[in-house]
Amino acid sequence: MLGDPIQLQDIAAGGWFREVHRLVGGLTLHEYRRQEHAAERHALEVWRTGDHDQALRLLADRGRVHAVETADEARSQILTAWDELRRDRWPDTHDLVDQLVVLAARNADVDALNTGAQQIRRAAGELGTAHTYALPGGDRLTLAIGDAVRVRANDYRSRRGQGPDLLNGYRAVVSEIAEDGRIKITWRTRGADDAFVSAWLTPDQVASGALSLGYAMTIAASQGMTCDTSLLYGHDANAFAAYPGLT
């Protein structure tokens, strides 16, 4: 079996992997490739020894950790940093979803960060026609043309001859909203030649939870993702959650 016992906390009896790994002398990761800077790779090596305090100090010395007084201040500063980064480096929303992500441990914090990012873009005049959808449980979701979104359900349309598959985890951009609430999203495929692919979703699909805002996501949902910059909201993120957020 392959895995990493330091990444995300075991659920119920899930700790068997760590113990079997110890008993059989399993292989251990020694080389980091996602981090460009040697100092960041070193900090992660220290983290894996269990000395989280020292690892955070090493990251803080490079300006990677920022301590504030309150949770509200942390969210505000992350959104300010996100806004400055995207304006300077990724003004195109497709580039933004490929290269920059905001992460948090809890869904409630992800929702707050997504809403804040959307408000910043709306205030800047970057969003177009909007439509509000009623979600299960009484919540409501407002999406606008230009918004970054994240697909939250699998729809294997190619099997029905109805176009490209929509897969859970895709990050896309709202490119059109019809008067009846149908919504068109567009995403960029990665390969020899980058291409843009689009698909329509019905209001019922959106209302069932098939889409969410895509500026921020949970740390768990981001596993396996590679991007240029991540902004990690550390409140309520234990060591198991913080590690994949940092990496």
Protein backbone atom coordinates (compact mmCIF):
# COMPACT_ATOMS: atom_id res chain seq x y z
CA MET A 1 0.00 0.00 0.00
CA LEU A 2 1.04 3.60 -0.61
CA GLY A 3 0.21 6.52 1.63
CA ASP A 4 1.41 9.14 4.05
CA PRO A 5 0.41 8.70 7.72
CA ILE A 6 1.25 12.36 8.43
CA GLN A 7 -1.27 13.66 5.89
CA LEU A 8 -4.77 14.09 7.36
CA GLN A 9 -5.88 12.43 10.56
CA ASP A 10 -6.94 8.81 10.73
CA ILE A 11 -10.68 8.14 10.88
CA ALA A 12 -11.85 5.45 13.34
CA ALA A 13 -9.73 2.34 12.58
CA GLY A 14 -7.87 4.10 9.77
CA GLY A 15 -4.64 4.19 11.78
CA TRP A 16 -3.75 0.67 10.62
CA PHE A 17 -1.64 2.08 7.78
CA ARG A 18 0.73 3.88 10.15
CA GLU A 19 1.22 0.76 12.27
CA VAL A 20 1.75 -1.61 9.33
CA HIS A 21 4.18 0.88 7.82
CA ARG A 22 6.17 0.79 11.08
CA LEU A 23 6.10 -3.02 11.38
CA VAL A 24 7.32 -3.75 7.86
CA GLY A 25 9.77 -0.87 7.64
CA GLY A 26 7.91 0.84 4.83
CA LEU A 27 9.56 3.28 2.45
CA THR A 28 9.70 6.93 3.48
CA LEU A 29 9.55 10.06 1.37
CA HIS A 30 12.88 11.92 1.31
CA GLU A 31 12.68 14.22 -1.70
CA TYR A 32 10.30 17.16 -2.12
CA ARG A 33 9.55 18.49 -5.59
CA ARG A 34 6.53 20.74 -5.17
CA GLN A 35 8.37 23.42 -3.21
CA GLU A 36 10.65 25.61 -5.33
CA HIS A 37 12.68 27.02 -2.43
CA ALA A 38 15.20 24.91 -0.51
CA ALA A 39 14.30 26.67 2.77
CA GLU A 40 10.65 25.63 2.42
CA ARG A 41 11.65 22.05 1.65
CA HIS A 42 13.81 22.07 4.78
CA ALA A 43 10.94 23.39 6.91
CA LEU A 44 8.76 20.51 5.72
CA GLU A 45 11.48 18.00 6.57
CA VAL A 46 11.51 19.44 10.09
CA TRP A 47 7.69 19.27 10.21
CA ARG A 48 7.82 15.55 9.42
CA THR A 49 10.04 14.96 12.46
CA GLY A 50 7.18 16.22 14.62
CA ASP A 51 8.79 19.53 15.55
CA HIS A 52 5.94 21.66 14.24
CA ASP A 53 6.92 24.69 16.31
CA GLN A 54 10.38 24.86 14.75
CA ALA A 55 8.99 24.26 11.26
CA LEU A 56 6.58 27.16 11.64
CA ARG A 57 9.39 29.36 12.92
CA LEU A 58 11.47 28.51 9.84
CA LEU A 59 8.54 29.39 7.60
CA ALA A 60 7.88 32.58 9.55
CA ASP A 61 11.50 33.64 9.08
CA ARG A 62 10.82 33.62 5.33
CA GLY A 63 7.61 35.62 5.69
CA ARG A 64 5.40 32.57 5.13
CA VAL A 65 3.56 32.70 8.47
CA HIS A 66 1.60 35.71 9.69
CA ALA A 67 0.22 35.92 13.22
CA VAL A 68 -2.79 38.14 13.97
CA GLU A 69 -5.01 38.81 16.97
CA THR A 70 -8.39 37.53 15.75
CA ALA A 71 -9.93 35.11 13.27
CA ASP A 72 -11.70 37.99 11.52
CA GLU A 73 -8.37 39.75 11.06
CA ALA A 74 -6.84 36.58 9.62
CA ARG A 75 -9.62 36.22 7.06
CA SER A 76 -9.35 39.89 6.16
CA GLN A 77 -5.60 39.71 5.65
CA ILE A 78 -5.83 36.55 3.56
CA LEU A 79 -8.41 38.18 1.29
CA THR A 80 -6.25 41.29 0.99
CA ALA A 81 -3.23 39.17 0.04
CA TRP A 82 -5.36 37.17 -2.41
CA ASP A 83 -6.63 40.36 -4.06
CA GLU A 84 -3.13 41.84 -4.40
CA LEU A 85 -1.68 38.61 -5.81
CA ARG A 86 -4.39 38.05 -8.39
CA ARG A 87 -4.37 41.65 -9.62
CA ASP A 88 -0.59 41.65 -9.96
CA ARG A 89 0.00 38.17 -11.36
CA TRP A 90 -3.23 36.49 -12.50
CA PRO A 91 -5.84 39.05 -13.62
CA ASP A 92 -7.39 36.44 -15.93
CA THR A 93 -9.78 34.27 -13.92
CA HIS A 94 -8.73 31.06 -15.71
CA ASP A 95 -5.13 31.74 -14.70
CA LEU A 96 -6.34 32.56 -11.19
CA VAL A 97 -8.04 29.19 -10.64
CA ASP A 98 -4.98 27.38 -12.00
CA GLN A 99 -2.37 29.21 -9.96
CA LEU A 100 -3.87 30.56 -6.72
CA VAL A 101 -6.02 28.91 -4.06
CA VAL A 102 -7.24 29.82 -0.58
CA LEU A 103 -7.46 26.91 1.86
CA ALA A 104 -9.17 26.38 5.22
CA ALA A 105 -9.93 23.39 7.42
CA ARG A 106 -13.66 24.02 7.96
CA ASN A 107 -16.47 24.43 5.45
CA ALA A 108 -17.79 27.45 7.33
CA ASP A 109 -14.47 29.26 6.88
CA VAL A 110 -14.32 28.27 3.21
CA ASP A 111 -17.79 29.74 2.71
CA ALA A 112 -16.79 32.99 4.40
CA LEU A 113 -13.61 33.29 2.32
CA ASN A 114 -15.48 32.51 -0.91
CA THR A 115 -18.11 35.13 -0.13
CA GLY A 116 -15.44 37.70 0.71
CA ALA A 117 -13.56 37.05 -2.55
CA GLN A 118 -16.76 37.36 -4.55
CA GLN A 119 -17.61 40.65 -2.83
CA ILE A 120 -14.16 42.03 -3.65
CA ARG A 121 -14.60 41.18 -7.33
CA ARG A 122 -18.15 42.54 -7.44
CA ALA A 123 -17.02 45.82 -5.87
CA ALA A 124 -14.27 46.05 -8.49
CA GLY A 125 -16.86 45.74 -11.29
CA GLU A 126 -15.46 42.43 -12.50
CA LEU A 127 -18.65 40.36 -12.32
CA GLY A 128 -21.63 40.42 -14.64
CA THR A 129 -25.21 39.15 -14.53
CA ALA A 130 -25.97 37.20 -11.36
CA HIS A 131 -28.53 34.58 -10.36
CA THR A 132 -29.39 33.25 -6.89
CA TYR A 133 -30.16 29.57 -6.35
CA ALA A 134 -31.95 27.96 -3.39
CA LEU A 135 -29.86 25.15 -1.90
CA PRO A 136 -30.81 22.21 0.33
CA GLY A 137 -31.26 23.19 3.95
CA GLY A 138 -32.41 26.71 3.18
CA ASP A 139 -29.05 28.14 2.08
CA ARG A 140 -28.72 30.30 -1.02
CA LEU A 141 -25.93 30.58 -3.58
CA THR A 142 -25.40 33.61 -5.79
CA LEU A 143 -23.27 33.14 -8.90
CA ALA A 144 -22.34 35.76 -11.47
CA ILE A 145 -20.74 35.78 -14.89
CA GLY A 146 -16.98 35.86 -14.27
CA ASP A 147 -17.11 34.02 -10.93
CA ALA A 148 -14.69 31.20 -10.20
CA VAL A 149 -16.63 28.04 -9.34
CA ARG A 150 -15.90 24.49 -8.28
CA VAL A 151 -17.78 21.42 -9.52
CA ARG A 152 -19.05 19.34 -6.58
CA ALA A 153 -20.54 16.27 -8.28
CA ASN A 154 -19.62 13.85 -11.06
CA ASP A 155 -21.65 13.96 -14.26
CA TYR A 156 -20.36 11.50 -16.87
CA ARG A 157 -22.01 13.14 -19.85
CA SER A 158 -19.76 11.52 -22.44
CA ARG A 159 -21.35 8.14 -21.65
CA ARG A 160 -24.69 9.58 -22.75
CA GLY A 161 -23.26 11.38 -25.77
CA GLN A 162 -24.02 14.75 -24.16
CA GLY A 163 -20.63 16.44 -24.23
CA PRO A 164 -17.65 16.61 -21.88
CA ASP A 165 -17.73 15.04 -18.43
CA LEU A 166 -18.13 17.30 -15.42
CA LEU A 167 -16.01 15.87 -12.63
CA ASN A 168 -15.97 16.63 -8.93
CA GLY A 169 -13.17 19.07 -8.14
CA TYR A 170 -13.00 20.86 -11.49
CA ARG A 171 -12.41 24.61 -11.06
CA ALA A 172 -14.00 26.70 -13.77
CA VAL A 173 -15.29 30.16 -14.65
CA VAL A 174 -18.93 31.16 -15.15
CA SER A 175 -19.09 32.28 -18.78
CA GLU A 176 -22.86 32.73 -19.27
CA ILE A 177 -26.11 32.72 -17.29
CA ALA A 178 -29.44 32.33 -19.10
CA GLU A 179 -32.64 34.07 -18.04
CA ASP A 180 -34.07 30.77 -16.81
CA GLY A 181 -31.08 30.26 -14.48
CA ARG A 182 -29.15 27.79 -16.62
CA ILE A 183 -25.45 28.40 -16.17
CA LYS A 184 -22.52 27.83 -18.52
CA ILE A 185 -19.10 27.15 -17.06
CA THR A 186 -15.78 27.02 -18.92
CA TRP A 187 -12.53 25.40 -17.86
CA ARG A 188 -9.11 24.91 -19.32
CA THR A 189 -7.81 21.43 -20.05
CA ARG A 190 -4.15 20.68 -19.58
CA GLY A 191 -2.18 18.85 -22.25
CA ALA A 192 0.03 19.38 -25.25
CA ASP A 193 -2.33 22.14 -26.36
CA ASP A 194 -4.35 23.97 -23.73
CA ALA A 195 -8.01 24.10 -24.72
CA PHE A 196 -11.14 25.58 -23.22
CA VAL A 197 -14.18 23.34 -22.65
CA SER A 198 -17.68 24.47 -21.70
CA ALA A 199 -20.79 22.83 -20.28
CA TRP A 200 -24.27 23.96 -19.24
CA LEU A 201 -25.87 23.12 -15.89
CA THR A 202 -29.57 23.39 -15.15
CA PRO A 203 -30.93 25.37 -12.18
CA ASP A 204 -31.92 22.07 -10.56
CA GLN A 205 -28.35 20.80 -10.80
CA VAL A 206 -26.99 23.94 -9.17
CA ALA A 207 -29.72 23.81 -6.52
CA SER A 208 -28.74 20.22 -5.72
CA GLY A 209 -25.22 21.37 -4.83
CA ALA A 210 -23.38 20.60 -8.08
CA LEU A 211 -21.56 23.96 -7.97
CA SER A 212 -20.00 26.19 -5.34
CA LEU A 213 -17.85 29.28 -5.46
CA GLY A 214 -14.30 28.25 -6.30
CA TYR A 215 -11.98 30.87 -4.85
CA ALA A 216 -11.45 28.87 -1.64
CA MET A 217 -11.76 25.21 -0.74
CA THR A 218 -11.10 22.87 2.17
CA ILE A 219 -7.62 21.52 2.72
CA ALA A 220 -8.96 17.98 2.28
CA ALA A 221 -10.45 18.84 -1.11
CA SER A 222 -7.16 20.30 -2.33
CA GLN A 223 -5.08 17.13 -1.88
CA GLY A 224 -3.14 16.30 -5.03
CA MET A 225 -3.52 19.81 -6.38
CA THR A 226 -0.47 21.73 -7.60
CA CYS A 227 -0.54 25.50 -7.99
CA ASP A 228 1.86 28.41 -7.72
CA THR A 229 0.58 29.88 -4.45
CA SER A 230 -1.74 28.74 -1.66
CA LEU A 231 -2.99 30.91 1.17
CA LEU A 232 -3.74 28.79 4.22
CA TYR A 233 -6.18 30.00 6.87
CA GLY A 234 -4.69 28.20 9.86
CA HIS A 235 -7.45 28.63 12.46
CA ASP A 236 -8.83 25.21 13.53
CA ALA A 237 -6.36 23.35 11.30
CA ASN A 238 -4.58 20.69 13.37
CA ALA A 239 -1.17 19.30 12.39
CA PHE A 240 -2.67 16.60 10.17
CA ALA A 241 -4.68 19.16 8.20
CA ALA A 242 -2.01 21.84 8.17
CA TYR A 243 0.59 19.56 6.55
CA PRO A 244 -1.19 19.07 3.19
CA GLY A 245 -2.18 22.73 3.37
CA LEU A 246 1.45 23.74 3.70
CA THR A 247 2.61 21.44 0.94
